[in-house]
PDB file of all heavy atoms in Angstrom:
ATOM      1  N   GLU A   1     -16.250  12.278   6.996  1.00  0.00           N
ATOM      2  CA  GLU A   1     -17.364  11.562   7.596  1.00  0.00           C
ATOM      3  C   GLU A   1     -18.417  11.291   6.530  1.00  0.00           C
ATOM      4  O   GLU A   1     -18.599  12.066   5.587  1.00  0.00           O
ATOM      5  CB  GLU A   1     -17.990  12.384   8.708  1.00  0.00           C
ATOM      6  CG  GLU A   1     -17.108  12.604   9.899  1.00  0.00           C
ATOM      7  CD  GLU A   1     -17.836  13.359  11.016  1.00  0.00           C
ATOM      8  OE1 GLU A   1     -17.811  14.590  10.970  1.00  0.00           O
ATOM      9  OE2 GLU A   1     -18.454  12.715  11.851  1.00  0.00           O
ATOM     10  N   ALA A   2     -19.118  10.170   6.689  1.00  0.00           N
ATOM     11  CA  ALA A   2     -20.116   9.800   5.680  1.00  0.00           C
ATOM     12  C   ALA A   2     -21.352  10.677   5.776  1.00  0.00           C
ATOM     13  O   ALA A   2     -21.803  11.028   6.862  1.00  0.00           O
ATOM     14  CB  ALA A   2     -20.522   8.341   5.890  1.00  0.00           C
ATOM     15  N   LEU A   3     -21.843  11.069   4.625  1.00  0.00           N
ATOM     16  CA  LEU A   3     -23.055  11.879   4.511  1.00  0.00           C
ATOM     17  C   LEU A   3     -23.999  11.206   3.493  1.00  0.00           C
ATOM     18  O   LEU A   3     -23.673  11.077   2.327  1.00  0.00           O
ATOM     19  CB  LEU A   3     -22.735  13.280   4.055  1.00  0.00           C
ATOM     20  CG  LEU A   3     -23.907  14.216   3.720  1.00  0.00           C
ATOM     21  CD1 LEU A   3     -24.626  14.558   5.038  1.00  0.00           C
ATOM     22  CD2 LEU A   3     -23.431  15.476   3.020  1.00  0.00           C
ATOM     23  N   LEU A   4     -25.144  10.801   3.963  1.00  0.00           N
ATOM     24  CA  LEU A   4     -26.162  10.150   3.134  1.00  0.00           C
ATOM     25  C   LEU A   4     -27.155  11.224   2.691  1.00  0.00           C
ATOM     26  O   LEU A   4     -27.729  11.923   3.518  1.00  0.00           O
ATOM     27  CB  LEU A   4     -26.875   9.056   3.915  1.00  0.00           C
ATOM     28  CG  LEU A   4     -28.031   8.354   3.198  1.00  0.00           C
ATOM     29  CD1 LEU A   4     -27.501   7.573   1.964  1.00  0.00           C
ATOM     30  CD2 LEU A   4     -28.745   7.386   4.141  1.00  0.00           C
ATOM     31  N   CYS A   5     -27.376  11.321   1.374  1.00  0.00           N
ATOM     32  CA  CYS A   5     -28.243  12.348   0.785  1.00  0.00           C
ATOM     33  C   CYS A   5     -29.469  11.689   0.184  1.00  0.00           C
ATOM     34  O   CYS A   5     -29.340  10.904  -0.787  1.00  0.00           O
ATOM     35  CB  CYS A   5     -27.454  13.086  -0.321  1.00  0.00           C
ATOM     36  SG  CYS A   5     -25.828  13.729   0.181  1.00  0.00           S
ATOM     37  N   ILE A   6     -30.636  11.982   0.729  1.00  0.00           N
ATOM     38  CA  ILE A   6     -31.866  11.338   0.354  1.00  0.00           C
ATOM     39  C   ILE A   6     -32.778  12.315  -0.355  1.00  0.00           C
ATOM     40  O   ILE A   6     -33.291  13.250   0.280  1.00  0.00           O
ATOM     41  CB  ILE A   6     -32.579  10.714   1.569  1.00  0.00           C
ATOM     42  CG1 ILE A   6     -31.622   9.816   2.396  1.00  0.00           C
ATOM     43  CG2 ILE A   6     -33.779   9.859   1.123  1.00  0.00           C
ATOM     44  CD1 ILE A   6     -32.211   9.289   3.676  1.00  0.00           C
ATOM     45  N   HIS A   7     -33.042  12.090  -1.618  1.00  0.00           N
ATOM     46  CA  HIS A   7     -33.924  13.009  -2.369  1.00  0.00           C
ATOM     47  C   HIS A   7     -35.393  12.723  -2.091  1.00  0.00           C
ATOM     48  O   HIS A   7     -35.737  11.769  -1.369  1.00  0.00           O
ATOM     49  CB  HIS A   7     -33.626  12.912  -3.864  1.00  0.00           C
ATOM     50  CG  HIS A   7     -34.018  11.563  -4.463  1.00  0.00           C
ATOM     51  ND1 HIS A   7     -35.312  11.208  -4.771  1.00  0.00           N
ATOM     52  CD2 HIS A   7     -33.237  10.521  -4.811  1.00  0.00           C
ATOM     53  CE1 HIS A   7     -35.333   9.998  -5.277  1.00  0.00           C
ATOM     54  NE2 HIS A   7     -34.076   9.541  -5.310  1.00  0.00           N
ATOM     55  N   GLY A   8     -36.266  13.553  -2.652  1.00  0.00           N
ATOM     56  CA  GLY A   8     -37.693  13.391  -2.437  1.00  0.00           C
ATOM     57  C   GLY A   8     -38.429  12.862  -3.647  1.00  0.00           C
ATOM     58  O   GLY A   8     -37.824  12.386  -4.595  1.00  0.00           O
ATOM     59  N   LEU A   9     -39.720  12.950  -3.614  1.00  0.00           N
ATOM     60  CA  LEU A   9     -40.592  12.489  -4.697  1.00  0.00           C
ATOM     61  C   LEU A   9     -40.259  13.219  -5.994  1.00  0.00           C
ATOM     62  O   LEU A   9     -40.220  14.459  -5.994  1.00  0.00           O
ATOM     63  CB  LEU A   9     -42.043  12.741  -4.311  1.00  0.00           C
ATOM     64  CG  LEU A   9     -43.085  12.365  -5.346  1.00  0.00           C
ATOM     65  CD1 LEU A   9     -43.106  10.866  -5.646  1.00  0.00           C
ATOM     66  CD2 LEU A   9     -44.465  12.804  -4.869  1.00  0.00           C
ATOM     67  N   GLY A  10     -39.975  12.480  -7.075  1.00  0.00           N
ATOM     68  CA  GLY A  10     -39.671  13.113  -8.317  1.00  0.00           C
ATOM     69  C   GLY A  10     -38.228  13.588  -8.412  1.00  0.00           C
ATOM     70  O   GLY A  10     -37.872  14.287  -9.368  1.00  0.00           O
ATOM     71  N   GLY A  11     -37.413  13.268  -7.433  1.00  0.00           N
ATOM     72  CA  GLY A  11     -36.041  13.751  -7.401  1.00  0.00           C
ATOM     73  C   GLY A  11     -35.015  12.664  -7.792  1.00  0.00           C
ATOM     74  O   GLY A  11     -35.360  11.590  -8.252  1.00  0.00           O
ATOM     75  N   SER A  12     -33.781  12.986  -7.530  1.00  0.00           N
ATOM     76  CA  SER A  12     -32.668  12.069  -7.837  1.00  0.00           C
ATOM     77  C   SER A  12     -31.452  12.549  -7.071  1.00  0.00           C
ATOM     78  O   SER A  12     -31.516  13.539  -6.321  1.00  0.00           O
ATOM     79  CB  SER A  12     -32.347  12.086  -9.344  1.00  0.00           C
ATOM     80  OG  SER A  12     -31.754  13.297  -9.733  1.00  0.00           O
ATOM     81  N   SER A  13     -30.346  11.921  -7.316  1.00  0.00           N
ATOM     82  CA  SER A  13     -29.086  12.311  -6.699  1.00  0.00           C
ATOM     83  C   SER A  13     -28.727  13.774  -7.087  1.00  0.00           C
ATOM     84  O   SER A  13     -27.991  14.439  -6.357  1.00  0.00           O
ATOM     85  CB  SER A  13     -27.935  11.403  -7.115  1.00  0.00           C
ATOM     86  OG  SER A  13     -27.761  11.433  -8.527  1.00  0.00           O
ATOM     87  N   ASN A  14     -29.269  14.245  -8.176  1.00  0.00           N
ATOM     88  CA  ASN A  14     -28.970  15.641  -8.652  1.00  0.00           C
ATOM     89  C   ASN A  14     -29.597  16.694  -7.741  1.00  0.00           C
ATOM     90  O   ASN A  14     -29.250  17.881  -7.892  1.00  0.00           O
ATOM     91  CB  ASN A  14     -29.432  15.824 -10.085  1.00  0.00           C
ATOM     92  CG  ASN A  14     -28.358  15.410 -11.100  1.00  0.00           C
ATOM     93  OD1 ASN A  14     -27.186  15.489 -10.791  1.00  0.00           O
ATOM     94  ND2 ASN A  14     -28.787  14.951 -12.232  1.00  0.00           N
ATOM     95  N   ASN A  15     -30.516  16.313  -6.861  1.00  0.00           N
ATOM     96  CA  ASN A  15     -31.051  17.316  -5.938  1.00  0.00           C
ATOM     97  C   ASN A  15     -29.937  17.988  -5.126  1.00  0.00           C
ATOM     98  O   ASN A  15     -30.076  19.121  -4.659  1.00  0.00           O
ATOM     99  CB  ASN A  15     -32.037  16.668  -4.940  1.00  0.00           C
ATOM    100  CG  ASN A  15     -33.404  16.538  -5.517  1.00  0.00           C
ATOM    101  OD1 ASN A  15     -33.647  15.646  -6.363  1.00  0.00           O
ATOM    102  ND2 ASN A  15     -34.314  17.426  -5.132  1.00  0.00           N
ATOM    103  N   TRP A  16     -28.812  17.272  -4.962  1.00  0.00           N
ATOM    104  CA  TRP A  16     -27.769  17.736  -4.052  1.00  0.00           C
ATOM    105  C   TRP A  16     -26.594  18.371  -4.801  1.00  0.00           C
ATOM    106  O   TRP A  16     -25.707  18.954  -4.178  1.00  0.00           O
ATOM    107  CB  TRP A  16     -27.282  16.553  -3.217  1.00  0.00           C
ATOM    108  CG  TRP A  16     -28.463  15.875  -2.603  1.00  0.00           C
ATOM    109  CD1 TRP A  16     -28.961  14.650  -2.913  1.00  0.00           C
ATOM    110  CD2 TRP A  16     -29.368  16.431  -1.656  1.00  0.00           C
ATOM    111  NE1 TRP A  16     -30.099  14.386  -2.182  1.00  0.00           N
ATOM    112  CE2 TRP A  16     -30.365  15.500  -1.413  1.00  0.00           C
ATOM    113  CE3 TRP A  16     -29.385  17.676  -0.975  1.00  0.00           C
ATOM    114  CZ2 TRP A  16     -31.416  15.728  -0.534  1.00  0.00           C
ATOM    115  CZ3 TRP A  16     -30.426  17.921  -0.097  1.00  0.00           C
ATOM    116  CH2 TRP A  16     -31.420  16.934   0.111  1.00  0.00           C
ATOM    117  N   THR A  17     -26.587  18.311  -6.132  1.00  0.00           N
ATOM    118  CA  THR A  17     -25.509  18.876  -6.901  1.00  0.00           C
ATOM    119  C   THR A  17     -25.272  20.369  -6.593  1.00  0.00           C
ATOM    120  O   THR A  17     -24.109  20.777  -6.440  1.00  0.00           O
ATOM    121  CB  THR A  17     -25.730  18.645  -8.405  1.00  0.00           C
ATOM    122  OG1 THR A  17     -25.855  17.240  -8.662  1.00  0.00           O
ATOM    123  CG2 THR A  17     -24.563  19.179  -9.225  1.00  0.00           C
ATOM    124  N   PRO A  18     -26.337  21.190  -6.456  1.00  0.00           N
ATOM    125  CA  PRO A  18     -26.066  22.595  -6.183  1.00  0.00           C
ATOM    126  C   PRO A  18     -25.434  22.843  -4.829  1.00  0.00           C
ATOM    127  O   PRO A  18     -24.891  23.941  -4.604  1.00  0.00           O
ATOM    128  CB  PRO A  18     -27.493  23.202  -6.229  1.00  0.00           C
ATOM    129  CG  PRO A  18     -28.307  22.275  -7.047  1.00  0.00           C
ATOM    130  CD  PRO A  18     -27.763  20.926  -6.698  1.00  0.00           C
ATOM    131  N   LEU A  19     -25.496  21.867  -3.905  1.00  0.00           N
ATOM    132  CA  LEU A  19     -24.984  22.094  -2.571  1.00  0.00           C
ATOM    133  C   LEU A  19     -23.615  21.499  -2.336  1.00  0.00           C
ATOM    134  O   LEU A  19     -23.072  21.571  -1.228  1.00  0.00           O
ATOM    135  CB  LEU A  19     -25.983  21.502  -1.516  1.00  0.00           C
ATOM    136  CG  LEU A  19     -27.419  21.991  -1.585  1.00  0.00           C
ATOM    137  CD1 LEU A  19     -28.164  21.528  -0.392  1.00  0.00           C
ATOM    138  CD2 LEU A  19     -27.492  23.499  -1.699  1.00  0.00           C
ATOM    139  N   LEU A  20     -23.012  20.911  -3.352  1.00  0.00           N
ATOM    140  CA  LEU A  20     -21.731  20.235  -3.170  1.00  0.00           C
ATOM    141  C   LEU A  20     -20.654  21.135  -2.572  1.00  0.00           C
ATOM    142  O   LEU A  20     -19.831  20.642  -1.758  1.00  0.00           O
ATOM    143  CB  LEU A  20     -21.270  19.631  -4.481  1.00  0.00           C
ATOM    144  CG  LEU A  20     -22.086  18.449  -5.011  1.00  0.00           C
ATOM    145  CD1 LEU A  20     -21.493  17.922  -6.312  1.00  0.00           C
ATOM    146  CD2 LEU A  20     -22.208  17.341  -3.976  1.00  0.00           C
ATOM    147  N   PRO A  21     -20.647  22.432  -2.851  1.00  0.00           N
ATOM    148  CA  PRO A  21     -19.614  23.283  -2.196  1.00  0.00           C
ATOM    149  C   PRO A  21     -19.702  23.268  -0.668  1.00  0.00           C
ATOM    150  O   PRO A  21     -18.662  23.448   0.003  1.00  0.00           O
ATOM    151  CB  PRO A  21     -19.886  24.693  -2.755  1.00  0.00           C
ATOM    152  CG  PRO A  21     -20.520  24.425  -4.089  1.00  0.00           C
ATOM    153  CD  PRO A  21     -21.366  23.193  -3.888  1.00  0.00           C
ATOM    154  N   ALA A  22     -20.870  23.078  -0.125  1.00  0.00           N
ATOM    155  CA  ALA A  22     -21.046  23.047   1.324  1.00  0.00           C
ATOM    156  C   ALA A  22     -20.744  21.676   1.940  1.00  0.00           C
ATOM    157  O   ALA A  22     -20.673  21.522   3.130  1.00  0.00           O
ATOM    158  CB  ALA A  22     -22.484  23.465   1.719  1.00  0.00           C
ATOM    159  N   LEU A  23     -20.568  20.693   1.051  1.00  0.00           N
ATOM    160  CA  LEU A  23     -20.431  19.315   1.509  1.00  0.00           C
ATOM    161  C   LEU A  23     -19.023  18.754   1.244  1.00  0.00           C
ATOM    162  O   LEU A  23     -18.808  17.565   1.225  1.00  0.00           O
ATOM    163  CB  LEU A  23     -21.479  18.430   0.828  1.00  0.00           C
ATOM    164  CG  LEU A  23     -22.944  18.961   0.925  1.00  0.00           C
ATOM    165  CD1 LEU A  23     -23.885  18.015   0.139  1.00  0.00           C
ATOM    166  CD2 LEU A  23     -23.372  19.032   2.381  1.00  0.00           C
ATOM    167  N   GLY A  24     -18.075  19.671   1.079  1.00  0.00           N
ATOM    168  CA  GLY A  24     -16.739  19.272   0.669  1.00  0.00           C
ATOM    169  C   GLY A  24     -15.994  18.430   1.694  1.00  0.00           C
ATOM    170  O   GLY A  24     -15.079  17.699   1.342  1.00  0.00           O
ATOM    171  N   GLY A  25     -16.352  18.551   2.967  1.00  0.00           N
ATOM    172  CA  GLY A  25     -15.632  17.810   3.995  1.00  0.00           C
ATOM    173  C   GLY A  25     -16.196  16.420   4.310  1.00  0.00           C
ATOM    174  O   GLY A  25     -15.813  15.844   5.315  1.00  0.00           O
ATOM    175  N   PHE A  26     -17.075  15.981   3.440  1.00  0.00           N
ATOM    176  CA  PHE A  26     -17.789  14.681   3.682  1.00  0.00           C
ATOM    177  C   PHE A  26     -17.525  13.674   2.560  1.00  0.00           C
ATOM    178  O   PHE A  26     -17.234  14.031   1.415  1.00  0.00           O
ATOM    179  CB  PHE A  26     -19.294  14.894   3.773  1.00  0.00           C
ATOM    180  CG  PHE A  26     -19.731  15.688   4.969  1.00  0.00           C
ATOM    181  CD1 PHE A  26     -19.980  17.037   4.845  1.00  0.00           C
ATOM    182  CD2 PHE A  26     -19.902  15.076   6.205  1.00  0.00           C
ATOM    183  CE1 PHE A  26     -20.388  17.778   5.934  1.00  0.00           C
ATOM    184  CE2 PHE A  26     -20.332  15.809   7.295  1.00  0.00           C
ATOM    185  CZ  PHE A  26     -20.563  17.169   7.173  1.00  0.00           C
ATOM    186  N   ARG A  27     -17.679  12.428   2.892  1.00  0.00           N
ATOM    187  CA  ARG A  27     -17.813  11.354   1.909  1.00  0.00           C
ATOM    188  C   ARG A  27     -19.281  11.335   1.516  1.00  0.00           C
ATOM    189  O   ARG A  27     -20.121  10.866   2.303  1.00  0.00           O
ATOM    190  CB  ARG A  27     -17.351  10.014   2.453  1.00  0.00           C
ATOM    191  CG  ARG A  27     -17.444   8.878   1.447  1.00  0.00           C
ATOM    192  CD  ARG A  27     -17.189   7.552   2.133  1.00  0.00           C
ATOM    193  NE  ARG A  27     -17.228   6.446   1.167  1.00  0.00           N
ATOM    194  CZ  ARG A  27     -17.357   5.159   1.513  1.00  0.00           C
ATOM    195  NH1 ARG A  27     -17.439   4.815   2.836  1.00  0.00           N
ATOM    196  NH2 ARG A  27     -17.399   4.209   0.623  1.00  0.00           N
ATOM    197  N   ARG A  28     -19.640  11.794   0.354  1.00  0.00           N
ATOM    198  CA  ARG A  28     -21.012  12.011  -0.013  1.00  0.00           C
ATOM    199  C   ARG A  28     -21.593  10.781  -0.738  1.00  0.00           C
ATOM    200  O   ARG A  28     -21.035  10.316  -1.756  1.00  0.00           O
ATOM    201  CB  ARG A  28     -21.113  13.243  -0.943  1.00  0.00           C
ATOM    202  CG  ARG A  28     -20.545  14.515  -0.254  1.00  0.00           C
ATOM    203  CD  ARG A  28     -20.549  15.676  -1.194  1.00  0.00           C
ATOM    204  NE  ARG A  28     -19.652  15.508  -2.311  1.00  0.00           N
ATOM    205  CZ  ARG A  28     -18.527  16.226  -2.497  1.00  0.00           C
ATOM    206  NH1 ARG A  28     -18.178  17.139  -1.605  1.00  0.00           N
ATOM    207  NH2 ARG A  28     -17.766  16.032  -3.554  1.00  0.00           N
ATOM    208  N   ILE A  29     -22.699  10.302  -0.209  1.00  0.00           N
ATOM    209  CA  ILE A  29     -23.345   9.102  -0.732  1.00  0.00           C
ATOM    210  C   ILE A  29     -24.736   9.513  -1.233  1.00  0.00           C
ATOM    211  O   ILE A  29     -25.592   9.889  -0.416  1.00  0.00           O
ATOM    212  CB  ILE A  29     -23.439   8.011   0.346  1.00  0.00           C
ATOM    213  CG1 ILE A  29     -22.060   7.664   0.856  1.00  0.00           C
ATOM    214  CG2 ILE A  29     -24.174   6.774  -0.181  1.00  0.00           C
ATOM    215  CD1 ILE A  29     -22.040   7.145   2.256  1.00  0.00           C
ATOM    216  N   ARG A  30     -24.922   9.528  -2.558  1.00  0.00           N
ATOM    217  CA  ARG A  30     -26.121  10.085  -3.117  1.00  0.00           C
ATOM    218  C   ARG A  30     -26.854   9.045  -3.951  1.00  0.00           C
ATOM    219  O   ARG A  30     -26.626   8.895  -5.164  1.00  0.00           O
ATOM    220  CB  ARG A  30     -25.774  11.295  -4.014  1.00  0.00           C
ATOM    221  CG  ARG A  30     -25.145  12.437  -3.209  1.00  0.00           C
ATOM    222  CD  ARG A  30     -24.955  13.682  -4.087  1.00  0.00           C
ATOM    223  NE  ARG A  30     -23.893  13.468  -5.066  1.00  0.00           N
ATOM    224  CZ  ARG A  30     -23.768  14.170  -6.209  1.00  0.00           C
ATOM    225  NH1 ARG A  30     -24.647  15.089  -6.521  1.00  0.00           N
ATOM    226  NH2 ARG A  30     -22.752  13.961  -7.023  1.00  0.00           N
ATOM    227  N   PRO A  31     -27.750   8.280  -3.343  1.00  0.00           N
ATOM    228  CA  PRO A  31     -28.487   7.277  -4.098  1.00  0.00           C
ATOM    229  C   PRO A  31     -29.712   7.854  -4.799  1.00  0.00           C
ATOM    230  O   PRO A  31     -30.260   8.864  -4.412  1.00  0.00           O
ATOM    231  CB  PRO A  31     -28.934   6.263  -2.990  1.00  0.00           C
ATOM    232  CG  PRO A  31     -29.125   7.175  -1.785  1.00  0.00           C
ATOM    233  CD  PRO A  31     -28.048   8.229  -1.899  1.00  0.00           C
TER     234      PRO A  31
END
């Protein structure tokens, strides 16, 4: 299933890199 990852002020797609183990069952979309 699609998962959209939205970072905050001063962030980037890398905000979500530490959590990738928990997101293995998704199609991860990190703009």
